Amino acid sequence: MRNIISFKFNPSKLKLNKFIAFYGYCQKWEQNIYVYGKTEAHKIHRLSELLSFLLFSHDEDCLIVIEGSRINQTKDYISKHFPGVLSA
């Protein structure tokens, strides 16, 4: 069964290595990642797309949506590794 979770964050306040590990986690469970900024929205197909989006978002708040199975485990992962991130 496919489910969705989203969270809001400011890319400048989080470390890239955490996003690299997060991307690997989502890939492990074959989850889809979507990122939304003020003027852009992307479905992430490769790690380089996620990092590029994060690097060029500067100080804007962003929204990440994860779609797939095992969403409860992903929510726990986000809570553990991204302190201060708000679930939307």
PDB file of N, CA and C in Angstrom:
ATOM      1  N   MET A   1       0.833  -1.180   0.000  1.00  0.00           N
ATOM      2  CA  MET A   1       0.000   0.000   0.000  1.00  0.00           C
ATOM      3  C   MET A   1       0.879   1.246   0.000  1.00  0.00           C
ATOM      4  N   ARG A   2       0.549   2.212  -0.842  1.00  0.00           N
ATOM      5  CA  ARG A   2       1.342   3.421  -0.966  1.00  0.00           C
ATOM      6  C   ARG A   2       0.745   4.509  -0.080  1.00  0.00           C
ATOM      7  N   ASN A   3       1.624   5.197   0.629  1.00  0.00           N
ATOM      8  CA  ASN A   3       1.234   6.284   1.518  1.00  0.00           C
ATOM      9  C   ASN A   3       2.123   7.479   1.243  1.00  0.00           C
ATOM     10  N   ILE A   4       1.789   8.599   1.862  1.00  0.00           N
ATOM     11  CA  ILE A   4       2.534   9.838   1.648  1.00  0.00           C
ATOM     12  C   ILE A   4       2.837  10.494   2.985  1.00  0.00           C
ATOM     13  N   ILE A   5       4.031  11.089   3.069  1.00  0.00           N
ATOM     14  CA  ILE A   5       4.411  11.930   4.200  1.00  0.00           C
ATOM     15  C   ILE A   5       5.125  13.148   3.625  1.00  0.00           C
ATOM     16  N   SER A   6       5.012  14.263   4.304  1.00  0.00           N
ATOM     17  CA  SER A   6       5.721  15.460   3.856  1.00  0.00           C
ATOM     18  C   SER A   6       6.328  16.168   5.055  1.00  0.00           C
ATOM     19  N   PHE A   7       7.387  16.925   4.784  1.00  0.00           N
ATOM     20  CA  PHE A   7       7.964  17.746   5.830  1.00  0.00           C
ATOM     21  C   PHE A   7       8.558  19.016   5.242  1.00  0.00           C
ATOM     22  N   LYS A   8       8.542  20.040   6.053  1.00  0.00           N
ATOM     23  CA  LYS A   8       9.010  21.366   5.666  1.00  0.00           C
ATOM     24  C   LYS A   8      10.329  21.629   6.362  1.00  0.00           C
ATOM     25  N   PHE A   9      11.263  22.269   5.661  1.00  0.00           N
ATOM     26  CA  PHE A   9      12.574  22.538   6.243  1.00  0.00           C
ATOM     27  C   PHE A   9      13.227  23.697   5.510  1.00  0.00           C
ATOM     28  N   ASN A  10      14.281  24.215   6.111  1.00  0.00           N
ATOM     29  CA  ASN A  10      15.116  25.235   5.488  1.00  0.00           C
ATOM     30  C   ASN A  10      16.447  24.573   5.157  1.00  0.00           C
ATOM     31  N   PRO A  11      16.798  24.430   3.869  1.00  0.00           N
ATOM     32  CA  PRO A  11      17.997  23.696   3.474  1.00  0.00           C
ATOM     33  C   PRO A  11      19.291  24.251   4.062  1.00  0.00           C
ATOM     34  N   SER A  12      19.345  25.542   4.302  1.00  0.00           N
ATOM     35  CA  SER A  12      20.583  26.126   4.816  1.00  0.00           C
ATOM     36  C   SER A  12      20.857  25.728   6.258  1.00  0.00           C
ATOM     37  N   LYS A  13      19.873  25.178   6.945  1.00  0.00           N
ATOM     38  CA  LYS A  13      20.038  24.807   8.349  1.00  0.00           C
ATOM     39  C   LYS A  13      20.321  23.324   8.557  1.00  0.00           C
ATOM     40  N   LEU A  14      20.390  22.549   7.465  1.00  0.00           N
ATOM     41  CA  LEU A  14      20.628  21.113   7.577  1.00  0.00           C
ATOM     42  C   LEU A  14      21.860  20.720   6.764  1.00  0.00           C
ATOM     43  N   LYS A  15      22.520  19.666   7.181  1.00  0.00           N
ATOM     44  CA  LYS A  15      23.758  19.232   6.531  1.00  0.00           C
ATOM     45  C   LYS A  15      23.471  18.313   5.349  1.00  0.00           C
ATOM     46  N   LEU A  16      24.263  18.486   4.288  1.00  0.00           N
ATOM     47  CA  LEU A  16      24.074  17.699   3.079  1.00  0.00           C
ATOM     48  C   LEU A  16      24.279  16.201   3.312  1.00  0.00           C
ATOM     49  N   ASN A  17      25.218  15.841   4.182  1.00  0.00           N
ATOM     50  CA  ASN A  17      25.462  14.413   4.410  1.00  0.00           C
ATOM     51  C   ASN A  17      24.217  13.713   4.960  1.00  0.00           C
ATOM     52  N   LYS A  18      23.395  14.431   5.693  1.00  0.00           N
ATOM     53  CA  LYS A  18      22.144  13.841   6.187  1.00  0.00           C
ATOM     54  C   LYS A  18      21.165  13.596   5.040  1.00  0.00           C
ATOM     55  N   PHE A  19      21.160  14.510   4.061  1.00  0.00           N
ATOM     56  CA  PHE A  19      20.286  14.321   2.900  1.00  0.00           C
ATOM     57  C   PHE A  19      20.782  13.188   2.013  1.00  0.00           C
ATOM     58  N   ILE A  20      22.079  13.001   1.924  1.00  0.00           N
ATOM     59  CA  ILE A  20      22.625  11.894   1.147  1.00  0.00           C
ATOM     60  C   ILE A  20      22.177  10.568   1.765  1.00  0.00           C
ATOM     61  N   ALA A  21      22.294  10.465   3.086  1.00  0.00           N
ATOM     62  CA  ALA A  21      21.850   9.249   3.780  1.00  0.00           C
ATOM     63  C   ALA A  21      20.337   9.078   3.642  1.00  0.00           C
ATOM     64  N   PHE A  22      19.594  10.158   3.724  1.00  0.00           N
ATOM     65  CA  PHE A  22      18.144  10.108   3.584  1.00  0.00           C
ATOM     66  C   PHE A  22      17.746   9.612   2.193  1.00  0.00           C
ATOM     67  N   TYR A  23      18.417  10.107   1.170  1.00  0.00           N
ATOM     68  CA  TYR A  23      18.141   9.666  -0.197  1.00  0.00           C
ATOM     69  C   TYR A  23      18.364   8.151  -0.310  1.00  0.00           C
ATOM     70  N   GLY A  24      19.462   7.667   0.242  1.00  0.00           N
ATOM     71  CA  GLY A  24      19.747   6.231   0.227  1.00  0.00           C
ATOM     72  C   GLY A  24      18.684   5.433   0.954  1.00  0.00           C
ATOM     73  N   TYR A  25      18.208   5.972   2.070  1.00  0.00           N
ATOM     74  CA  TYR A  25      17.149   5.309   2.832  1.00  0.00           C
ATOM     75  C   TYR A  25      15.889   5.180   1.980  1.00  0.00           C
ATOM     76  N   CYS A  26      15.493   6.262   1.319  1.00  0.00           N
ATOM     77  CA  CYS A  26      14.281   6.241   0.487  1.00  0.00           C
ATOM     78  C   CYS A  26      14.457   5.299  -0.704  1.00  0.00           C
ATOM     79  N   GLN A  27      15.644   5.270  -1.282  1.00  0.00           N
ATOM     80  CA  GLN A  27      15.899   4.375  -2.408  1.00  0.00           C
ATOM     81  C   GLN A  27      15.812   2.909  -1.982  1.00  0.00           C
ATOM     82  N   LYS A  28      16.281   2.631  -0.783  1.00  0.00           N
ATOM     83  CA  LYS A  28      16.236   1.269  -0.252  1.00  0.00           C
ATOM     84  C   LYS A  28      14.806   0.729  -0.243  1.00  0.00           C
ATOM     85  N   TRP A  29      13.848   1.589   0.094  1.00  0.00           N
ATOM     86  CA  TRP A  29      12.439   1.181   0.165  1.00  0.00           C
ATOM     87  C   TRP A  29      11.668   1.541  -1.099  1.00  0.00           C
ATOM     88  N   GLU A  30      12.383   1.962  -2.141  1.00  0.00           N
ATOM     89  CA  GLU A  30      11.780   2.313  -3.429  1.00  0.00           C
ATOM     90  C   GLU A  30      10.686   3.368  -3.290  1.00  0.00           C
ATOM     91  N   GLN A  31      10.970   4.378  -2.479  1.00  0.00           N
ATOM     92  CA  GLN A  31      10.032   5.475  -2.280  1.00  0.00           C
ATOM     93  C   GLN A  31      10.308   6.585  -3.292  1.00  0.00           C
ATOM     94  N   ASN A  32       9.272   7.301  -3.675  1.00  0.00           N
ATOM     95  CA  ASN A  32       9.405   8.447  -4.572  1.00  0.00           C
ATOM     96  C   ASN A  32       9.595   9.698  -3.727  1.00  0.00           C
ATOM     97  N   ILE A  33      10.480  10.577  -4.190  1.00  0.00           N
ATOM     98  CA  ILE A  33      10.760  11.824  -3.495  1.00  0.00           C
ATOM     99  C   ILE A  33      10.378  12.976  -4.416  1.00  0.00           C
ATOM    100  N   TYR A  34       9.629  13.926  -3.867  1.00  0.00           N
ATOM    101  CA  TYR A  34       9.252  15.141  -4.586  1.00  0.00           C
ATOM    102  C   TYR A  34       9.698  16.327  -3.738  1.00  0.00           C
ATOM    103  N   VAL A  35      10.261  17.354  -4.368  1.00  0.00           N
ATOM    104  CA  VAL A  35      10.674  18.550  -3.637  1.00  0.00           C
ATOM    105  C   VAL A  35       9.965  19.764  -4.228  1.00  0.00           C
ATOM    106  N   TYR A  36       9.576  20.662  -3.341  1.00  0.00           N
ATOM    107  CA  TYR A  36       8.857  21.869  -3.728  1.00  0.00           C
ATOM    108  C   TYR A  36       9.511  23.079  -3.074  1.00  0.00           C
ATOM    109  N   GLY A  37       9.845  24.079  -3.887  1.00  0.00           N
ATOM    110  CA  GLY A  37      10.342  25.351  -3.391  1.00  0.00           C
ATOM    111  C   GLY A  37       9.331  26.426  -3.726  1.00  0.00           C
ATOM    112  N   LYS A  38       9.746  27.681  -3.630  1.00  0.00           N
ATOM    113  CA  LYS A  38       8.812  28.772  -3.938  1.00  0.00           C
ATOM    114  C   LYS A  38       8.377  28.766  -5.400  1.00  0.00           C
ATOM    115  N   THR A  39       9.327  28.493  -6.297  1.00  0.00           N
ATOM    116  CA  THR A  39       9.011  28.578  -7.723  1.00  0.00           C
ATOM    117  C   THR A  39       9.270  27.283  -8.480  1.00  0.00           C
ATOM    118  N   GLU A  40       9.655  26.228  -7.780  1.00  0.00           N
ATOM    119  CA  GLU A  40      10.019  24.983  -8.454  1.00  0.00           C
ATOM    120  C   GLU A  40       9.379  23.776  -7.783  1.00  0.00           C
ATOM    121  N   ALA A  41       9.148  22.752  -8.579  1.00  0.00           N
ATOM    122  CA  ALA A  41       8.704  21.453  -8.063  1.00  0.00           C
ATOM    123  C   ALA A  41       9.379  20.389  -8.913  1.00  0.00           C
ATOM    124  N   HIS A  42       9.933  19.355  -8.271  1.00  0.00           N
ATOM    125  CA  HIS A  42      10.649  18.304  -8.995  1.00  0.00           C
ATOM    126  C   HIS A  42      10.369  16.940  -8.387  1.00  0.00           C
ATOM    127  N   LYS A  43      10.277  15.947  -9.254  1.00  0.00           N
ATOM    128  CA  LYS A  43      10.350  14.562  -8.799  1.00  0.00           C
ATOM    129  C   LYS A  43      11.826  14.204  -8.886  1.00  0.00           C
ATOM    130  N   ILE A  44      12.362  13.678  -7.804  1.00  0.00           N
ATOM    131  CA  ILE A  44      13.788  13.371  -7.736  1.00  0.00           C
ATOM    132  C   ILE A  44      14.035  11.958  -8.270  1.00  0.00           C
ATOM    133  N   HIS A  45      14.890  11.883  -9.287  1.00  0.00           N
ATOM    134  CA  HIS A  45      15.258  10.597  -9.875  1.00  0.00           C
ATOM    135  C   HIS A  45      16.670  10.173  -9.491  1.00  0.00           C
ATOM    136  N   ARG A  46      17.518  11.164  -9.176  1.00  0.00           N
ATOM    137  CA  ARG A  46      18.922  10.889  -8.837  1.00  0.00           C
ATOM    138  C   ARG A  46      19.338  11.758  -7.664  1.00  0.00           C
ATOM    139  N   LEU A  47      20.335  11.294  -6.937  1.00  0.00           N
ATOM    140  CA  LEU A  47      20.858  12.042  -5.797  1.00  0.00           C
ATOM    141  C   LEU A  47      21.321  13.435  -6.223  1.00  0.00           C
ATOM    142  N   SER A  48      21.936  13.544  -7.381  1.00  0.00           N
ATOM    143  CA  SER A  48      22.430  14.843  -7.849  1.00  0.00           C
ATOM    144  C   SER A  48      21.300  15.858  -8.000  1.00  0.00           C
ATOM    145  N   GLU A  49      20.114  15.410  -8.380  1.00  0.00           N
ATOM    146  CA  GLU A  49      18.968  16.324  -8.500  1.00  0.00           C
ATOM    147  C   GLU A  49      18.554  16.862  -7.136  1.00  0.00           C
ATOM    148  N   LEU A  50      18.541  15.990  -6.139  1.00  0.00           N
ATOM    149  CA  LEU A  50      18.179  16.427  -4.789  1.00  0.00           C
ATOM    150  C   LEU A  50      19.201  17.420  -4.259  1.00  0.00           C
ATOM    151  N   LEU A  51      20.481  17.103  -4.393  1.00  0.00           N
ATOM    152  CA  LEU A  51      21.521  17.986  -3.875  1.00  0.00           C
ATOM    153  C   LEU A  51      21.525  19.323  -4.597  1.00  0.00           C
ATOM    154  N   SER A  52      21.339  19.310  -5.896  1.00  0.00           N
ATOM    155  CA  SER A  52      21.279  20.554  -6.661  1.00  0.00           C
ATOM    156  C   SER A  52      20.125  21.426  -6.190  1.00  0.00           C
ATOM    157  N   PHE A  53      18.972  20.819  -6.012  1.00  0.00           N
ATOM    158  CA  PHE A  53      17.815  21.578  -5.529  1.00  0.00           C
ATOM    159  C   PHE A  53      18.104  22.193  -4.168  1.00  0.00           C
ATOM    160  N   LEU A  54      18.681  21.424  -3.270  1.00  0.00           N
ATOM    161  CA  LEU A  54      18.960  21.908  -1.920  1.00  0.00           C
ATOM    162  C   LEU A  54      20.005  23.012  -1.918  1.00  0.00           C
ATOM    163  N   LEU A  55      21.040  22.858  -2.731  1.00  0.00           N
ATOM    164  CA  LEU A  55      22.114  23.845  -2.773  1.00  0.00           C
ATOM    165  C   LEU A  55      21.652  25.188  -3.326  1.00  0.00           C
ATOM    166  N   PHE A  56      20.730  25.165  -4.266  1.00  0.00           N
ATOM    167  CA  PHE A  56      20.305  26.398  -4.905  1.00  0.00           C
ATOM    168  C   PHE A  56      18.994  26.953  -4.350  1.00  0.00           C
ATOM    169  N   SER A  57      18.479  26.353  -3.287  1.00  0.00           N
ATOM    170  CA  SER A  57      17.272  26.876  -2.648  1.00  0.00           C
ATOM    171  C   SER A  57      17.601  28.000  -1.672  1.00  0.00           C
ATOM    172  N   HIS A  58      18.864  28.117  -1.313  1.00  0.00           N
ATOM    173  CA  HIS A  58      19.366  29.152  -0.410  1.00  0.00           C
ATOM    174  C   HIS A  58      18.585  29.157   0.900  1.00  0.00           C
ATOM    175  N   ASP A  59      18.008  30.281   1.253  1.00  0.00           N
ATOM    176  CA  ASP A  59      17.360  30.402   2.555  1.00  0.00           C
ATOM    177  C   ASP A  59      15.842  30.233   2.491  1.00  0.00           C
ATOM    178  N   GLU A  60      15.356  29.675   1.416  1.00  0.00           N
ATOM    179  CA  GLU A  60      13.918  29.499   1.276  1.00  0.00           C
ATOM    180  C   GLU A  60      13.465  28.218   1.970  1.00  0.00           C
ATOM    181  N   ASP A  61      12.277  28.250   2.535  1.00  0.00           N
ATOM    182  CA  ASP A  61      11.703  27.021   3.076  1.00  0.00           C
ATOM    183  C   ASP A  61      11.290  26.122   1.916  1.00  0.00           C
ATOM    184  N   CYS A  62      11.475  24.827   2.098  1.00  0.00           N
ATOM    185  CA  CYS A  62      11.144  23.838   1.077  1.00  0.00           C
ATOM    186  C   CYS A  62      10.230  22.778   1.684  1.00  0.00           C
ATOM    187  N   LEU A  63       9.581  22.054   0.814  1.00  0.00           N
ATOM    188  CA  LEU A  63       8.725  20.954   1.218  1.00  0.00           C
ATOM    189  C   LEU A  63       9.204  19.709   0.484  1.00  0.00           C
ATOM    190  N   ILE A  64       9.368  18.615   1.225  1.00  0.00           N
ATOM    191  CA  ILE A  64       9.694  17.333   0.614  1.00  0.00           C
ATOM    192  C   ILE A  64       8.516  16.392   0.867  1.00  0.00           C
ATOM    193  N   VAL A  65       8.093  15.723  -0.181  1.00  0.00           N
ATOM    194  CA  VAL A  65       7.013  14.745  -0.091  1.00  0.00           C
ATOM    195  C   VAL A  65       7.600  13.386  -0.448  1.00  0.00           C
ATOM    196  N   ILE A  66       7.351  12.401   0.391  1.00  0.00           N
ATOM    197  CA  ILE A  66       7.809  11.043   0.166  1.00  0.00           C
ATOM    198  C   ILE A  66       6.576  10.175  -0.044  1.00  0.00           C
ATOM    199  N   GLU A  67       6.590   9.372  -1.098  1.00  0.00           N
ATOM    200  CA  GLU A  67       5.473   8.493  -1.428  1.00  0.00           C
ATOM    201  C   GLU A  67       5.993   7.066  -1.524  1.00  0.00           C
ATOM    202  N   GLY A  68       5.282   6.149  -0.928  1.00  0.00           N
ATOM    203  CA  GLY A  68       5.668   4.751  -1.033  1.00  0.00           C
ATOM    204  C   GLY A  68       5.211   3.942   0.163  1.00  0.00           C
ATOM    205  N   SER A  69       5.774   2.762   0.278  1.00  0.00           N
ATOM    206  CA  SER A  69       5.459   1.906   1.415  1.00  0.00           C
ATOM    207  C   SER A  69       6.428   2.219   2.554  1.00  0.00           C
ATOM    208  N   ARG A  70       6.130   1.698   3.720  1.00  0.00           N
ATOM    209  CA  ARG A  70       6.955   1.889   4.922  1.00  0.00           C
ATOM    210  C   ARG A  70       7.099   3.370   5.316  1.00  0.00           C
ATOM    211  N   ILE A  71       6.050   4.126   5.129  1.00  0.00           N
ATOM    212  CA  ILE A  71       6.076   5.552   5.447  1.00  0.00           C
ATOM    213  C   ILE A  71       6.242   5.798   6.942  1.00  0.00           C
ATOM    214  N   ASN A  72       5.676   4.951   7.786  1.00  0.00           N
ATOM    215  CA  ASN A  72       5.842   5.145   9.234  1.00  0.00           C
ATOM    216  C   ASN A  72       7.304   5.043   9.638  1.00  0.00           C
ATOM    217  N   GLN A  73       8.046   4.115   9.037  1.00  0.00           N
ATOM    218  CA  GLN A  73       9.468   3.996   9.323  1.00  0.00           C
ATOM    219  C   GLN A  73      10.229   5.225   8.816  1.00  0.00           C
ATOM    220  N   THR A  74       9.814   5.754   7.671  1.00  0.00           N
ATOM    221  CA  THR A  74      10.450   6.951   7.126  1.00  0.00           C
ATOM    222  C   THR A  74      10.186   8.150   8.029  1.00  0.00           C
ATOM    223  N   LYS A  75       8.986   8.239   8.551  1.00  0.00           N
ATOM    224  CA  LYS A  75       8.653   9.321   9.480  1.00  0.00           C
ATOM    225  C   LYS A  75       9.534   9.233  10.725  1.00  0.00           C
ATOM    226  N   ASP A  76       9.744   8.033  11.245  1.00  0.00           N
ATOM    227  CA  ASP A  76      10.637   7.844  12.392  1.00  0.00           C
ATOM    228  C   ASP A  76      12.072   8.223  12.038  1.00  0.00           C
ATOM    229  N   TYR A  77      12.517   7.868  10.843  1.00  0.00           N
ATOM    230  CA  TYR A  77      13.861   8.212  10.378  1.00  0.00           C
ATOM    231  C   TYR A  77      14.041   9.732  10.345  1.00  0.00           C
ATOM    232  N   ILE A  78      13.056  10.429   9.800  1.00  0.00           N
ATOM    233  CA  ILE A  78      13.115  11.891   9.713  1.00  0.00           C
ATOM    234  C   ILE A  78      13.168  12.503  11.107  1.00  0.00           C
ATOM    235  N   SER A  79      12.337  12.033  12.015  1.00  0.00           N
ATOM    236  CA  SER A  79      12.321  12.550  13.386  1.00  0.00           C
ATOM    237  C   SER A  79      13.666  12.355  14.077  1.00  0.00           C
ATOM    238  N   LYS A  80      14.294  11.229  13.819  1.00  0.00           N
ATOM    239  CA  LYS A  80      15.566  10.903  14.467  1.00  0.00           C
ATOM    240  C   LYS A  80      16.749  11.676  13.874  1.00  0.00           C
ATOM    241  N   HIS A  81      16.796  11.838  12.556  1.00  0.00           N
ATOM    242  CA  HIS A  81      17.968  12.398  11.892  1.00  0.00           C
ATOM    243  C   HIS A  81      17.840  13.872  11.492  1.00  0.00           C
ATOM    244  N   PHE A  82      16.650  14.432  11.547  1.00  0.00           N
ATOM    245  CA  PHE A  82      16.449  15.826  11.159  1.00  0.00           C
ATOM    246  C   PHE A  82      15.719  16.576  12.283  1.00  0.00           C
ATOM    247  N   PRO A  83      16.419  16.862  13.366  1.00  0.00           N
ATOM    248  CA  PRO A  83      15.763  17.578  14.463  1.00  0.00           C
ATOM    249  C   PRO A  83      15.319  18.972  14.015  1.00  0.00           C
ATOM    250  N   GLY A  84      14.170  19.369  14.462  1.00  0.00           N
ATOM    251  CA  GLY A  84      13.660  20.703  14.124  1.00  0.00           C
ATOM    252  C   GLY A  84      12.895  20.763  12.824  1.00  0.00           C
ATOM    253  N   VAL A  85      12.803  19.653  12.080  1.00  0.00           N
ATOM    254  CA  VAL A  85      12.051  19.627  10.849  1.00  0.00           C
ATOM    255  C   VAL A  85      10.577  19.416  11.185  1.00  0.00           C
ATOM    256  N   LEU A  86       9.723  20.152  10.501  1.00  0.00           N
ATOM    257  CA  LEU A  86       8.292  20.095  10.784  1.00  0.00           C
ATOM    258  C   LEU A  86       7.578  19.162   9.812  1.00  0.00           C
ATOM    259  N   SER A  87       6.787  18.247  10.328  1.00  0.00           N
ATOM    260  CA  SER A  87       5.929  17.445   9.459  1.00  0.00           C
ATOM    261  C   SER A  87       4.794  18.326   8.975  1.00  0.00           C
ATOM    262  N   ALA A  88       4.486  18.210   7.703  1.00  0.00           N
ATOM    263  CA  ALA A  88       3.420  19.033   7.155  1.00  0.00           C
ATOM    264  C   ALA A  88       2.150  18.213   7.045  1.00  0.00           C
TER     265      ALA A  88
END
